[in-house]
Amino acid sequence: MSDEGRLVAGRYRLVECIGSGGMGTVWRAEDEVLARQVALKQLHAQPHLSDGEVATLYERTRREARSAARVVHPNVIVVHDVVEDDGRPCVVMEYVPAPTLGDVLKSGHTLPPEETARIGLGMIAAVRAAHAAGVLHRDIKPGNVLLGEGGRVVLTDFGIALTVGSSTLTQTGEMVGSIDFMAPERVRGQTPGPSSDLWSLGATLYQAVEGRPPYRRDTAMETAYAIAVEPLDPMRQAGPLEPLIETLLSKNPGDRPTAEQTERALRATWSGGPSVTSPAAVSAVAHAGPDGNADASRTSRTSRTRHALPVPPSERGDGDRRQGGKRGRRVFVSVVSVVTVLAAAATAIALYTSSHDDRATPDTRATGNTATPSATPSPVPDGYHLVRNRQLGVSFPVPDGWKPKKGQSDEVTYTDPTGLAGLTIGMVDPAGSHPVDHFKDIEANTKANYPTYRRLRMQKTTFKEKPAAVWEFTFQGRARAFRAIDLGYGTPGGREYDIYLSAPDAQWDTYRPVFDVVRAGFAD
């Protein structure tokens, strides 16, 4: 290019163009004073802009330098200087000879969940450092994530960063940033906050595992509309990252995890293995096919197999609903989407704020059975709130912070904030001769398909003066052992209700009290 070899600000010799976009060009340059290589971001002339708009652009660039310079962290690009070149500001930064995550993900390529978690850890460390310095990035996306030698992850391009308390430098209605990675509140014109950066991080993780941004449509306007109002497209390859990504992409900023919670979740998913996105491996990953993942055992969530054990989909890789039983009737099988997200469930912090009357959940909006509970449940203890499910005609306590999951019409599932444990209330109508027979039907299929299943107990009992059965067992997922308990009760020929809890076996003593509270407060 014509500028190659030119000296900027009497100090920086332009050596090679290493990136260019609509707003500017990034050069590899030689700092002739300190004899080191740097990256120099040079703005393009913008003849279509008014003088006022140009002034705003230049001030935004200067603020990029000031914002980034406030954030000192290994995962944040180092800003060395800001200089003037023919009246235009240029930002002089650390030179990181590395591809971007966007380069790796071109043409729909993906990364395994564990590698995505490793990259996410670098990103969230940068975000936490930026937020601690009072800086919002506002343009987190794959193209702004450098993948350096030794597994280093670097967040760059604070070009539209917003220092908390400063002016927005935008006109009313102007959206600054990349639309695919813009949080819903920003699309709606609301003031962004730290959770807006976390949404963008979630969208970046989504593309890394799924091969596309979560809401991309044919036009920017359609994309913006989808981000603001449409549900998230289901993930098929996210594996243990699915619950985290889903919560990061919540429409309501208050429903998203904090940066600290996000970091803990990512750390639990990443095992500490070697990076597969070092520059030497980028080419291999980029040509590994659309999956980008050698885990052949993972299958599409739309693939349904008919087994009986409620193994978490992320731990098993097949579907989450199946049929069976000697009588040919549909049997209730609780499936909890439990995943490897946090190492210690006891330290989990709630990601969701649930109203005490559960008006925001699908349960109270459901149609169908509107039976009023016939018994008054035990008082709801602190840390729980009462849920009334009209479709099932029951009420029961749920721990604060547990999130309802979409399910079938005859069951409702709540998962804890970590995604490691879940509570399912189900209903079978008509019921069989006794709940223990129902459980034996499920167990027969379980033994045939899951050699890791181990029964702890299955026994007849009574509950609410009706025939009941308790079934407790363990099973092995991909990453950990799980334990479950199921209480079924009902009148022969009538309805059978099931109260089911599943959680990691290692934390069973922490989660088992949830089952006891729900059982004590359950009313039909």
Protein backbone atom coordinates (compact mmCIF):
# COMPACT_ATOMS: atom_id res chain seq x y z
CA MET A 1 0.00 0.00 0.00
CA SER A 2 1.14 3.60 -0.52
CA ASP A 3 1.56 4.21 3.23
CA GLU A 4 3.94 1.29 3.66
CA GLY A 5 7.27 2.53 5.00
CA ARG A 6 5.85 5.89 6.05
CA LEU A 7 6.82 7.31 9.44
CA VAL A 8 3.90 8.31 11.70
CA ALA A 9 4.36 10.89 14.45
CA GLY A 10 8.08 10.85 13.81
CA ARG A 11 8.38 7.47 15.53
CA TYR A 12 6.27 4.62 14.13
CA ARG A 13 7.36 3.12 10.79
CA LEU A 14 4.46 1.38 8.98
CA VAL A 15 5.67 -2.07 7.93
CA GLU A 16 2.70 -4.22 6.93
CA CYS A 17 -1.08 -3.92 6.79
CA ILE A 18 -2.47 -6.66 9.03
CA GLY A 19 -6.16 -5.74 9.01
CA SER A 20 -8.62 -3.38 7.41
CA GLY A 21 -12.29 -2.58 7.78
CA GLY A 22 -14.78 0.14 7.01
CA MET A 23 -13.49 2.43 9.76
CA GLY A 24 -9.78 1.95 9.65
CA THR A 25 -6.62 -0.01 8.98
CA VAL A 26 -4.36 -1.77 11.45
CA TRP A 27 -0.66 -1.81 10.66
CA ARG A 28 2.25 -3.72 12.02
CA ALA A 29 4.73 -0.96 12.71
CA GLU A 30 8.22 -0.52 14.10
CA ASP A 31 8.66 1.74 17.09
CA GLU A 32 11.99 3.32 16.16
CA VAL A 33 12.48 4.83 19.61
CA LEU A 34 12.10 1.61 21.60
CA ALA A 35 12.99 -0.81 18.74
CA ARG A 36 9.87 -2.94 19.14
CA GLN A 37 6.98 -4.02 16.96
CA VAL A 38 3.61 -2.45 17.62
CA ALA A 39 0.14 -2.44 16.10
CA LEU A 40 -1.04 0.96 14.90
CA LYS A 41 -4.73 1.58 14.23
CA GLN A 42 -5.18 4.30 11.64
CA LEU A 43 -8.62 5.74 10.84
CA HIS A 44 -9.80 6.02 7.27
CA ALA A 45 -10.91 9.36 5.91
CA GLN A 46 -14.73 9.55 6.04
CA PRO A 47 -15.79 12.04 3.33
CA HIS A 48 -19.47 11.16 3.74
CA LEU A 49 -19.49 12.38 7.34
CA SER A 50 -20.14 15.93 8.43
CA ASP A 51 -17.49 17.84 10.34
CA GLY A 52 -19.37 17.21 13.55
CA GLU A 53 -19.59 13.49 12.88
CA VAL A 54 -15.88 13.34 12.07
CA ALA A 55 -15.11 15.12 15.31
CA THR A 56 -17.24 12.57 17.17
CA LEU A 57 -15.46 9.70 15.45
CA TYR A 58 -12.06 11.05 16.32
CA GLU A 59 -13.04 11.64 19.92
CA ARG A 60 -14.37 8.09 20.10
CA THR A 61 -11.01 6.82 18.89
CA ARG A 62 -9.13 8.86 21.45
CA ARG A 63 -11.45 7.52 24.10
CA GLU A 64 -10.66 4.00 22.91
CA ALA A 65 -7.07 4.62 23.91
CA ARG A 66 -8.03 6.14 27.25
CA SER A 67 -10.49 3.36 28.03
CA ALA A 68 -8.19 0.50 27.11
CA ALA A 69 -5.26 2.11 28.89
CA ARG A 70 -7.28 2.03 32.12
CA VAL A 71 -7.55 -1.75 31.91
CA VAL A 72 -4.28 -3.46 32.79
CA HIS A 73 -4.64 -7.21 32.39
CA PRO A 74 -2.91 -10.00 30.42
CA ASN A 75 -6.15 -10.69 28.53
CA VAL A 76 -6.61 -7.07 27.43
CA ILE A 77 -4.64 -5.52 24.60
CA VAL A 78 -1.98 -3.12 25.88
CA VAL A 79 -2.30 0.47 24.63
CA HIS A 80 1.06 2.20 24.34
CA ASP A 81 0.25 5.58 22.83
CA VAL A 82 -2.23 7.74 20.94
CA VAL A 83 -0.79 10.07 18.30
CA GLU A 84 -2.02 12.37 15.55
CA ASP A 85 -1.42 11.65 11.88
CA ASP A 86 -2.56 14.35 9.47
CA GLY A 87 -5.16 15.46 11.99
CA ARG A 88 -6.44 11.94 12.59
CA PRO A 89 -5.87 10.08 15.85
CA CYS A 90 -3.96 6.79 15.70
CA VAL A 91 -3.89 4.27 18.53
CA VAL A 92 -0.60 2.45 19.11
CA MET A 93 -1.08 -0.95 20.72
CA GLU A 94 0.72 -4.11 21.66
CA TYR A 95 1.35 -6.26 18.60
CA VAL A 96 -0.05 -9.77 19.02
CA PRO A 97 0.83 -11.93 15.98
CA ALA A 98 -2.25 -14.12 16.14
CA PRO A 99 -5.50 -14.95 14.34
CA THR A 100 -8.81 -13.87 15.74
CA LEU A 101 -11.54 -16.17 16.94
CA GLY A 102 -13.49 -14.83 13.96
CA ASP A 103 -10.80 -16.19 11.64
CA VAL A 104 -11.13 -19.63 13.21
CA LEU A 105 -14.93 -19.62 12.94
CA LYS A 106 -15.15 -18.57 9.29
CA SER A 107 -17.51 -20.52 7.02
CA GLY A 108 -19.46 -21.99 9.91
CA HIS A 109 -16.60 -23.83 11.58
CA THR A 110 -16.97 -24.61 15.27
CA LEU A 111 -14.92 -25.47 18.33
CA PRO A 112 -15.48 -28.15 20.98
CA PRO A 113 -17.26 -26.93 24.13
CA GLU A 114 -14.16 -27.41 26.29
CA GLU A 115 -11.97 -25.30 23.98
CA THR A 116 -14.73 -22.70 23.75
CA ALA A 117 -14.79 -22.61 27.56
CA ARG A 118 -11.01 -22.04 27.62
CA ILE A 119 -11.33 -19.08 25.26
CA GLY A 120 -14.31 -17.84 27.24
CA LEU A 121 -12.22 -17.85 30.39
CA GLY A 122 -9.76 -15.45 28.78
CA MET A 123 -12.60 -13.25 27.59
CA ILE A 124 -14.40 -13.12 30.92
CA ALA A 125 -11.14 -12.32 32.70
CA ALA A 126 -10.74 -9.34 30.36
CA VAL A 127 -14.35 -8.31 30.89
CA ARG A 128 -14.03 -8.48 34.67
CA ALA A 129 -10.90 -6.34 34.54
CA ALA A 130 -12.60 -3.81 32.26
CA HIS A 131 -15.71 -3.58 34.40
CA ALA A 132 -13.61 -3.18 37.54
CA ALA A 133 -12.01 -0.17 35.83
CA GLY A 134 -15.44 1.27 35.00
CA VAL A 135 -15.19 0.42 31.29
CA LEU A 136 -17.80 -1.29 29.12
CA HIS A 137 -16.51 -2.82 25.90
CA ARG A 138 -19.80 -2.74 23.92
CA ASP A 139 -18.40 -4.63 20.92
CA ILE A 140 -17.39 -8.09 22.14
CA LYS A 141 -17.42 -10.44 19.17
CA PRO A 142 -15.20 -13.17 17.65
CA GLY A 143 -13.35 -10.66 15.48
CA ASN A 144 -12.17 -8.81 18.58
CA VAL A 145 -10.71 -11.87 20.31
CA LEU A 146 -7.08 -12.64 19.48
CA LEU A 147 -5.81 -16.20 19.99
CA GLY A 148 -2.12 -15.85 20.76
CA GLU A 149 0.79 -18.18 21.33
CA GLY A 150 0.78 -20.29 24.45
CA GLY A 151 -3.00 -20.25 24.60
CA ARG A 152 -3.20 -16.53 25.37
CA VAL A 153 -6.61 -14.95 24.71
CA VAL A 154 -6.65 -11.19 24.19
CA LEU A 155 -9.70 -8.93 23.99
CA THR A 156 -9.02 -6.00 21.70
CA ASP A 157 -10.70 -3.07 19.96
CA PHE A 158 -12.21 -0.94 22.68
CA GLY A 159 -13.14 1.45 19.89
CA ILE A 160 -16.68 2.04 21.12
CA ALA A 161 -15.91 1.40 24.77
CA LEU A 162 -17.94 3.45 27.19
CA THR A 163 -16.44 4.67 30.42
CA VAL A 164 -19.18 4.61 33.02
CA GLY A 165 -20.47 8.14 33.51
CA SER A 166 -19.18 9.53 30.21
CA SER A 167 -21.32 10.70 27.31
CA THR A 168 -22.40 8.14 24.73
CA LEU A 169 -21.05 10.10 21.76
CA THR A 170 -23.92 8.84 19.63
CA GLN A 171 -26.95 10.50 18.16
CA THR A 172 -30.42 9.53 19.36
CA GLY A 173 -31.39 6.21 17.82
CA GLU A 174 -27.87 5.43 16.57
CA MET A 175 -26.68 1.92 17.37
CA VAL A 176 -22.91 1.54 17.60
CA GLY A 177 -21.48 -1.96 17.45
CA SER A 178 -21.94 -5.23 15.61
CA ILE A 179 -25.64 -6.06 15.42
CA ASP A 180 -25.18 -9.85 15.72
CA PHE A 181 -23.59 -9.38 19.13
CA MET A 182 -25.66 -6.47 20.45
CA ALA A 183 -27.67 -7.12 23.61
CA PRO A 184 -31.48 -6.76 23.48
CA GLU A 185 -31.51 -3.68 25.71
CA ARG A 186 -29.12 -1.92 23.35
CA VAL A 187 -31.27 -2.86 20.35
CA ARG A 188 -34.22 -1.29 22.19
CA GLY A 189 -32.23 1.91 22.73
CA GLN A 190 -31.80 1.43 26.46
CA THR A 191 -28.65 2.26 28.38
CA PRO A 192 -26.16 -0.63 28.36
CA GLY A 193 -24.60 -1.95 31.51
CA PRO A 194 -22.07 -4.65 32.44
CA SER A 195 -24.61 -7.39 31.66
CA SER A 196 -24.75 -6.11 28.07
CA ASP A 197 -21.13 -7.17 27.61
CA LEU A 198 -22.01 -10.55 29.10
CA TRP A 199 -24.78 -11.00 26.53
CA SER A 200 -22.26 -10.30 23.77
CA LEU A 201 -19.89 -12.81 25.32
CA GLY A 202 -22.71 -15.37 25.32
CA ALA A 203 -23.40 -14.67 21.65
CA THR A 204 -19.70 -15.18 20.91
CA LEU A 205 -19.66 -18.50 22.76
CA TYR A 206 -22.83 -19.53 20.90
CA GLN A 207 -21.16 -18.94 17.52
CA ALA A 208 -18.04 -20.81 18.65
CA VAL A 209 -19.98 -24.01 19.37
CA GLU A 210 -22.85 -23.67 16.87
CA GLY A 211 -21.11 -22.07 13.88
CA ARG A 212 -23.34 -18.99 13.59
CA PRO A 213 -24.45 -16.03 15.69
CA PRO A 214 -27.55 -16.89 17.74
CA TYR A 215 -30.01 -14.53 16.04
CA ARG A 216 -28.56 -13.90 12.58
CA ARG A 217 -31.20 -13.23 9.95
CA ASP A 218 -31.10 -12.05 6.33
CA THR A 219 -30.99 -8.34 7.18
CA ALA A 220 -29.72 -6.23 10.05
CA MET A 221 -33.27 -5.10 10.82
CA GLU A 222 -34.54 -8.67 11.01
CA THR A 223 -31.58 -9.59 13.21
CA ALA A 224 -32.29 -6.70 15.57
CA TYR A 225 -35.96 -7.72 15.81
CA ALA A 226 -35.00 -11.35 16.53
CA ILE A 227 -32.59 -10.28 19.28
CA ALA A 228 -35.25 -8.13 20.89
CA VAL A 229 -38.26 -10.47 20.84
CA GLU A 230 -37.68 -13.93 19.34
CA PRO A 231 -36.73 -17.03 21.34
CA LEU A 232 -33.22 -18.43 21.14
CA ASP A 233 -32.61 -21.05 18.48
CA PRO A 234 -31.91 -24.39 20.22
CA MET A 235 -28.28 -25.37 20.57
CA ARG A 236 -27.17 -28.70 19.17
CA GLN A 237 -23.43 -28.79 19.87
CA ALA A 238 -22.97 -26.72 23.03
CA GLY A 239 -22.87 -29.73 25.36
CA PRO A 240 -22.08 -28.70 28.93
CA LEU A 241 -21.98 -25.01 27.95
CA GLU A 242 -25.64 -24.92 26.92
CA PRO A 243 -27.18 -23.74 30.22
CA LEU A 244 -24.56 -21.04 30.67
CA ILE A 245 -24.94 -19.72 27.12
CA GLU A 246 -28.72 -19.81 27.43
CA THR A 247 -28.66 -17.74 30.60
CA LEU A 248 -26.10 -15.28 29.21
CA LEU A 249 -28.48 -14.69 26.28
CA SER A 250 -31.47 -13.92 28.49
CA LYS A 251 -33.56 -11.02 27.20
CA ASN A 252 -33.76 -9.49 30.68
CA PRO A 253 -30.36 -8.20 31.87
CA GLY A 254 -31.26 -9.09 35.44
CA ASP A 255 -31.61 -12.76 34.50
CA ARG A 256 -28.02 -13.06 33.30
CA PRO A 257 -25.23 -14.43 35.49
CA THR A 258 -22.62 -12.09 36.84
CA ALA A 259 -19.11 -12.06 35.42
CA GLU A 260 -17.88 -13.97 38.48
CA GLN A 261 -20.55 -16.66 38.08
CA THR A 262 -19.77 -16.91 34.39
CA GLU A 263 -16.08 -17.40 35.09
CA ARG A 264 -16.78 -20.20 37.58
CA ALA A 265 -19.06 -21.94 35.12
CA LEU A 266 -16.51 -21.74 32.31
CA ARG A 267 -13.72 -22.97 34.57
CA ALA A 268 -15.72 -26.04 35.54
CA THR A 269 -16.28 -26.92 31.88
CA TRP A 270 -12.65 -26.47 30.89
CA SER A 271 -10.49 -29.30 32.22
CA GLY A 272 -7.21 -27.46 31.80
CA GLY A 273 -6.14 -29.37 28.71
CA PRO A 274 -4.03 -27.93 25.89
CA SER A 275 -5.35 -25.31 23.54
CA VAL A 276 -6.44 -26.38 20.07
CA THR A 277 -6.59 -22.82 18.77
CA SER A 278 -2.94 -21.91 18.97
CA PRO A 279 -1.75 -20.49 15.65
CA ALA A 280 -0.20 -23.84 14.76
CA ALA A 281 -3.55 -25.56 15.15
CA VAL A 282 -5.83 -22.94 13.60
CA SER A 283 -5.54 -24.38 10.11
CA ALA A 284 -6.40 -27.88 11.31
CA VAL A 285 -9.41 -26.65 13.26
CA ALA A 286 -10.64 -24.52 10.40
CA HIS A 287 -10.59 -27.52 8.07
CA ALA A 288 -12.07 -30.02 10.48
CA GLY A 289 -15.53 -29.62 8.97
CA PRO A 290 -18.59 -27.84 10.32
CA ASP A 291 -18.47 -29.77 13.60
CA GLY A 292 -14.94 -28.86 14.54
CA ASN A 293 -15.36 -31.53 17.19
CA ALA A 294 -14.11 -35.07 17.25
CA ASP A 295 -16.60 -36.16 19.90
CA ALA A 296 -18.62 -38.58 17.83
CA SER A 297 -20.78 -39.56 20.77
CA ARG A 298 -22.55 -36.20 20.83
CA THR A 299 -25.67 -36.13 18.69
CA SER A 300 -28.28 -33.58 17.75
CA ARG A 301 -30.82 -32.71 20.39
CA THR A 302 -33.47 -33.47 17.81
CA SER A 303 -32.32 -37.09 17.74
CA ARG A 304 -34.59 -39.10 20.03
CA THR A 305 -33.83 -42.52 21.44
CA ARG A 306 -36.19 -44.48 23.62
CA HIS A 307 -34.43 -45.34 26.83
CA ALA A 308 -35.76 -45.06 30.32
CA LEU A 309 -33.00 -43.70 32.51
CA PRO A 310 -33.20 -39.95 33.08
CA VAL A 311 -29.59 -39.38 32.07
CA PRO A 312 -28.79 -35.71 31.44
CA PRO A 313 -28.68 -35.01 27.69
CA SER A 314 -25.28 -33.34 28.03
CA GLU A 315 -23.93 -36.43 29.78
CA ARG A 316 -25.49 -38.87 27.35
CA GLY A 317 -25.90 -37.18 23.98
CA ASP A 318 -29.35 -38.41 22.98
CA GLY A 319 -32.91 -37.25 23.54
CA ASP A 320 -34.73 -36.27 26.67
CA ARG A 321 -38.11 -37.91 26.31
CA ARG A 322 -38.90 -41.53 25.72
CA GLN A 323 -41.73 -44.05 25.99
CA GLY A 324 -41.87 -47.58 27.32
CA GLY A 325 -43.54 -49.97 29.70
CA LYS A 326 -45.15 -53.39 29.45
CA ARG A 327 -48.63 -51.91 29.30
CA GLY A 328 -47.84 -49.86 26.22
CA ARG A 329 -48.89 -46.66 27.93
CA ARG A 330 -46.70 -43.59 28.04
CA VAL A 331 -44.61 -43.61 31.18
CA PHE A 332 -43.35 -40.59 32.99
CA VAL A 333 -39.61 -40.17 32.84
CA SER A 334 -38.06 -37.10 34.38
CA VAL A 335 -35.12 -35.68 32.53
CA VAL A 336 -33.08 -32.92 34.05
CA SER A 337 -30.72 -30.98 31.82
CA VAL A 338 -27.81 -31.27 34.21
CA VAL A 339 -24.39 -30.35 32.90
CA THR A 340 -20.80 -29.84 33.93
CA VAL A 341 -20.95 -26.14 34.76
CA LEU A 342 -19.73 -25.60 38.33
CA ALA A 343 -17.29 -27.69 40.34
CA ALA A 344 -18.98 -27.12 43.68
CA ALA A 345 -22.73 -26.85 43.82
CA ALA A 346 -22.59 -25.67 47.41
CA THR A 347 -21.06 -22.38 46.28
CA ALA A 348 -23.57 -21.72 43.51
CA ILE A 349 -25.18 -18.29 43.40
CA ALA A 350 -28.66 -17.89 41.97
CA LEU A 351 -28.76 -16.72 38.35
CA TYR A 352 -32.49 -16.11 38.36
CA THR A 353 -34.76 -13.94 40.43
CA SER A 354 -38.12 -15.69 40.76
CA SER A 355 -41.29 -13.98 41.90
CA HIS A 356 -42.99 -15.62 44.85
CA ASP A 357 -46.22 -16.23 43.00
CA ASP A 358 -44.35 -17.46 39.89
CA ARG A 359 -46.34 -15.18 37.60
CA ALA A 360 -43.45 -14.90 35.16
CA THR A 361 -43.16 -18.64 34.51
CA PRO A 362 -45.03 -20.71 31.93
CA ASP A 363 -46.78 -22.61 34.74
CA THR A 364 -49.33 -19.94 35.59
CA ARG A 365 -49.96 -19.17 31.93
CA ALA A 366 -50.69 -22.79 31.03
CA THR A 367 -54.12 -23.82 29.89
CA GLY A 368 -55.84 -27.13 30.45
CA ASN A 369 -56.27 -28.48 33.93
CA THR A 370 -57.05 -25.62 36.30
CA ALA A 371 -57.76 -27.72 39.37
CA THR A 372 -57.30 -25.96 42.66
CA PRO A 373 -55.02 -27.77 45.12
CA SER A 374 -57.17 -29.68 47.54
CA ALA A 375 -54.79 -29.60 50.48
CA THR A 376 -52.92 -26.86 52.21
CA PRO A 377 -49.18 -27.50 51.97
CA SER A 378 -46.73 -27.03 54.79
CA PRO A 379 -45.43 -23.48 55.25
CA VAL A 380 -42.81 -22.61 52.65
CA PRO A 381 -39.42 -22.27 54.38
CA ASP A 382 -37.01 -19.42 53.79
CA GLY A 383 -35.17 -19.74 50.49
CA TYR A 384 -38.18 -21.25 48.70
CA HIS A 385 -41.23 -19.89 46.91
CA LEU A 386 -44.54 -21.57 46.15
CA VAL A 387 -45.32 -22.53 42.55
CA ARG A 388 -48.90 -23.19 41.42
CA ASN A 389 -49.10 -25.19 38.20
CA ARG A 390 -52.60 -24.99 36.78
CA GLN A 391 -52.05 -27.53 34.05
CA LEU A 392 -50.99 -30.25 36.47
CA GLY A 393 -53.34 -28.99 39.16
CA VAL A 394 -50.66 -28.96 41.86
CA SER A 395 -48.65 -26.58 44.00
CA PHE A 396 -45.21 -27.14 45.46
CA PRO A 397 -42.24 -25.16 46.84
CA VAL A 398 -39.22 -24.46 44.63
CA PRO A 399 -35.84 -23.14 45.79
CA ASP A 400 -35.34 -19.46 45.02
CA GLY A 401 -33.25 -19.04 41.91
CA TRP A 402 -34.21 -22.34 40.26
CA LYS A 403 -35.30 -21.80 36.67
CA PRO A 404 -38.27 -23.43 34.90
CA LYS A 405 -37.39 -25.37 31.77
CA LYS A 406 -39.62 -26.00 28.81
CA GLY A 407 -41.07 -29.49 28.96
CA GLN A 408 -44.00 -31.66 28.02
CA SER A 409 -47.59 -30.88 28.93
CA ASP A 410 -47.58 -33.48 31.70
CA GLU A 411 -44.45 -32.38 33.54
CA VAL A 412 -42.56 -29.30 34.67
CA THR A 413 -38.85 -29.11 35.44
CA TYR A 414 -36.83 -26.60 37.45
CA THR A 415 -33.03 -26.56 37.36
CA ASP A 416 -30.73 -24.96 39.86
CA PRO A 417 -28.54 -22.05 38.72
CA THR A 418 -25.55 -24.31 38.07
CA GLY A 419 -27.48 -26.64 35.80
CA LEU A 420 -26.19 -29.55 37.87
CA ALA A 421 -29.41 -30.45 39.63
CA GLY A 422 -33.07 -30.43 38.79
CA LEU A 423 -36.53 -31.00 40.12
CA THR A 424 -39.30 -32.47 37.95
CA ILE A 425 -42.97 -32.79 38.81
CA GLY A 426 -44.82 -35.13 36.48
CA MET A 427 -48.24 -36.63 36.06
CA VAL A 428 -49.46 -39.93 34.55
CA ASP A 429 -53.15 -40.14 33.68
CA PRO A 430 -54.51 -42.79 33.93
CA ALA A 431 -52.23 -44.38 36.47
CA GLY A 432 -51.51 -48.09 36.67
CA SER A 433 -52.26 -50.51 39.46
CA HIS A 434 -49.48 -49.14 41.69
CA PRO A 435 -46.65 -46.62 41.28
CA VAL A 436 -44.08 -49.33 42.02
CA ASP A 437 -45.19 -51.16 38.87
CA HIS A 438 -44.67 -47.97 36.91
CA PHE A 439 -41.13 -47.66 38.30
CA LYS A 440 -40.38 -51.29 37.49
CA ASP A 441 -41.43 -50.68 33.88
CA ILE A 442 -38.91 -47.86 33.62
CA GLU A 443 -36.22 -49.84 35.41
CA ALA A 444 -36.57 -52.76 33.00
CA ASN A 445 -35.63 -50.54 30.08
CA THR A 446 -32.96 -48.86 32.16
CA LYS A 447 -31.13 -52.10 32.91
CA ALA A 448 -31.12 -53.04 29.24
CA ASN A 449 -29.69 -49.74 28.07
CA TYR A 450 -27.58 -48.30 30.88
CA PRO A 451 -25.03 -50.62 32.49
CA THR A 452 -23.99 -47.88 34.92
CA TYR A 453 -27.43 -47.82 36.54
CA ARG A 454 -27.49 -49.06 40.15
CA ARG A 455 -30.65 -49.38 42.23
CA LEU A 456 -30.37 -48.17 45.80
CA ARG A 457 -33.94 -48.91 46.79
CA MET A 458 -37.43 -49.37 45.39
CA GLN A 459 -40.17 -49.90 47.90
CA LYS A 460 -43.88 -49.48 48.42
CA THR A 461 -45.11 -46.85 50.84
CA THR A 462 -48.01 -44.42 51.21
CA PHE A 463 -48.23 -40.68 50.62
CA LYS A 464 -51.27 -38.55 51.41
CA GLU A 465 -53.02 -41.80 52.36
CA LYS A 466 -52.60 -43.10 48.80
CA PRO A 467 -50.50 -45.94 47.39
CA ALA A 468 -46.98 -44.72 46.74
CA ALA A 469 -43.48 -45.89 45.87
CA VAL A 470 -39.99 -44.54 46.39
CA TRP A 471 -37.24 -45.29 43.89
CA GLU A 472 -33.65 -44.22 44.47
CA PHE A 473 -30.70 -45.00 42.21
CA THR A 474 -27.37 -43.84 40.81
CA PHE A 475 -26.00 -43.67 37.28
CA GLN A 476 -22.87 -42.46 35.57
CA GLY A 477 -22.90 -39.53 33.15
CA ARG A 478 -20.03 -38.63 30.88
CA ALA A 479 -18.29 -36.47 33.45
CA ARG A 480 -19.65 -37.49 36.84
CA ALA A 481 -21.90 -39.79 38.84
CA PHE A 482 -25.47 -38.74 39.52
CA ARG A 483 -28.03 -39.78 42.08
CA ALA A 484 -31.80 -39.53 41.83
CA ILE A 485 -34.86 -40.09 43.94
CA ASP A 486 -38.44 -40.43 42.67
CA LEU A 487 -41.65 -40.50 44.69
CA GLY A 488 -44.77 -41.62 42.85
CA TYR A 489 -48.25 -41.74 44.31
CA GLY A 490 -51.83 -41.91 43.17
CA THR A 491 -55.08 -43.82 43.10
CA PRO A 492 -55.21 -46.91 40.82
CA GLY A 493 -56.95 -45.91 37.62
CA GLY A 494 -56.70 -42.23 38.49
CA ARG A 495 -53.81 -39.84 38.31
CA GLU A 496 -50.28 -40.57 39.43
CA TYR A 497 -48.00 -37.73 40.47
CA ASP A 498 -44.22 -38.04 40.55
CA ILE A 499 -41.74 -35.88 42.49
CA TYR A 500 -38.25 -36.39 41.10
CA LEU A 501 -34.88 -34.92 42.06
CA SER A 502 -31.54 -35.57 40.33
CA ALA A 503 -28.14 -34.16 41.34
CA PRO A 504 -24.43 -35.03 41.36
CA ASP A 505 -23.77 -37.88 43.73
CA ALA A 506 -20.86 -36.01 45.26
CA GLN A 507 -23.17 -33.18 46.37
CA TRP A 508 -26.16 -35.34 47.24
CA ASP A 509 -26.18 -34.27 50.89
CA THR A 510 -26.50 -30.66 49.70
CA TYR A 511 -29.40 -31.31 47.32
CA ARG A 512 -31.39 -34.04 49.07
CA PRO A 513 -33.08 -31.55 51.46
CA VAL A 514 -34.71 -29.95 48.41
CA PHE A 515 -36.63 -33.17 47.78
CA ASP A 516 -37.78 -33.31 51.40
CA VAL A 517 -39.04 -29.70 51.32
CA VAL A 518 -40.88 -30.22 48.03
CA ARG A 519 -42.49 -33.44 49.26
CA ALA A 520 -43.63 -31.79 52.49
CA GLY A 521 -45.12 -28.80 50.68
CA PHE A 522 -46.67 -30.66 47.72
CA ALA A 523 -50.45 -30.33 47.30
CA ASP A 524 -52.79 -31.62 44.58
